[in-house]
Amino acid sequence: MNCALCKANLTNGKVNHIVDLGERIIIVKNVPASVCKQCGEYFVDTDTALKLEAIVEEAKKNKAEVLIVRYNDMVA
């Protein structure tokens, strides 16, 4: 598979996914993704994207301004 932005090769890896909601920031660590070796852009599959969406919705209930969670802890 190739990067949609720069067309370089993608490799399997883990990334930190950052969601800036304005009033708070949510960081999800160690998210499985396809990562571009050239530009660093990353892409997650549909299943992972749905899990990230659920993690963010759950994290919104927390009133902290910055919240850091581990992907594996939240989907297990």
Protein backbone atom coordinates (compact mmCIF):
# COMPACT_ATOMS: atom_id res chain seq x y z
CA MET A 1 0.00 0.00 0.00
CA ASN A 2 1.21 3.52 -0.75
CA CYS A 3 0.79 6.83 1.06
CA ALA A 4 -2.14 8.88 -0.23
CA LEU A 5 -0.09 12.07 0.16
CA CYS A 6 3.39 11.35 -1.18
CA LYS A 7 2.96 7.87 -2.73
CA ALA A 8 5.83 6.33 -0.70
CA ASN A 9 5.59 2.90 0.91
CA LEU A 10 3.69 2.38 4.14
CA THR A 11 4.87 0.15 6.96
CA ASN A 12 3.00 -1.26 9.95
CA GLY A 13 3.71 0.61 13.15
CA LYS A 14 2.23 2.41 16.13
CA VAL A 15 1.47 6.12 16.48
CA ASN A 16 0.17 8.59 19.02
CA HIS A 17 -3.20 9.86 17.81
CA ILE A 18 -3.96 13.41 18.97
CA VAL A 19 -7.47 14.88 19.04
CA ASP A 20 -7.76 18.62 19.72
CA LEU A 21 -11.32 19.44 20.77
CA GLY A 22 -10.59 23.08 21.55
CA GLU A 23 -11.44 22.91 25.24
CA ARG A 24 -9.41 19.70 25.74
CA ILE A 25 -6.80 17.54 24.07
CA ILE A 26 -6.99 13.75 23.99
CA ILE A 27 -3.89 11.70 23.20
CA VAL A 28 -4.27 8.01 22.42
CA LYS A 29 -0.89 6.27 22.58
CA ASN A 30 0.32 3.21 20.66
CA VAL A 31 -2.42 3.13 18.02
CA PRO A 32 -1.75 0.50 15.31
CA ALA A 33 -1.42 2.20 11.94
CA SER A 34 0.17 2.13 8.52
CA VAL A 35 2.93 4.75 8.66
CA CYS A 36 4.60 6.43 5.68
CA LYS A 37 8.38 6.07 5.79
CA GLN A 38 8.86 9.25 3.79
CA CYS A 39 6.44 11.89 5.12
CA GLY A 40 5.35 10.34 8.44
CA GLU A 41 1.63 10.50 7.69
CA TYR A 42 -0.33 7.60 9.13
CA PHE A 43 -3.50 5.78 8.25
CA VAL A 44 -5.69 3.54 10.43
CA ASP A 45 -8.03 0.82 9.22
CA THR A 46 -11.79 1.06 9.65
CA ASP A 47 -11.92 -1.12 12.77
CA THR A 48 -9.22 0.95 14.49
CA ALA A 49 -10.94 4.20 13.47
CA LEU A 50 -14.20 3.02 15.04
CA LYS A 51 -12.38 2.06 18.23
CA LEU A 52 -10.64 5.47 18.30
CA GLU A 53 -14.00 7.18 17.93
CA ALA A 54 -15.37 5.21 20.90
CA ILE A 55 -12.25 6.02 22.96
CA VAL A 56 -12.61 9.74 22.23
CA GLU A 57 -16.32 9.69 23.13
CA GLU A 58 -15.51 7.98 26.44
CA ALA A 59 -12.63 10.38 27.11
CA LYS A 60 -14.92 13.40 26.55
CA LYS A 61 -16.69 12.46 29.78
CA ASN A 62 -13.49 13.21 31.69
CA LYS A 63 -13.18 16.88 32.63
CA ALA A 64 -9.38 17.03 32.32
CA GLU A 65 -7.94 19.53 29.85
CA VAL A 66 -5.34 17.02 28.65
CA LEU A 67 -6.04 13.31 28.78
CA ILE A 68 -3.56 10.61 27.74
CA VAL A 69 -4.71 7.00 27.35
CA ARG A 70 -3.18 3.83 25.93
CA TYR A 71 -5.01 2.28 22.98
CA ASN A 72 -4.61 -1.30 24.23
CA ASP A 73 -5.95 -0.43 27.68
CA MET A 74 -9.06 1.13 26.19
CA VAL A 75 -9.95 -1.59 23.66
CA ALA A 76 -9.18 -4.59 25.85
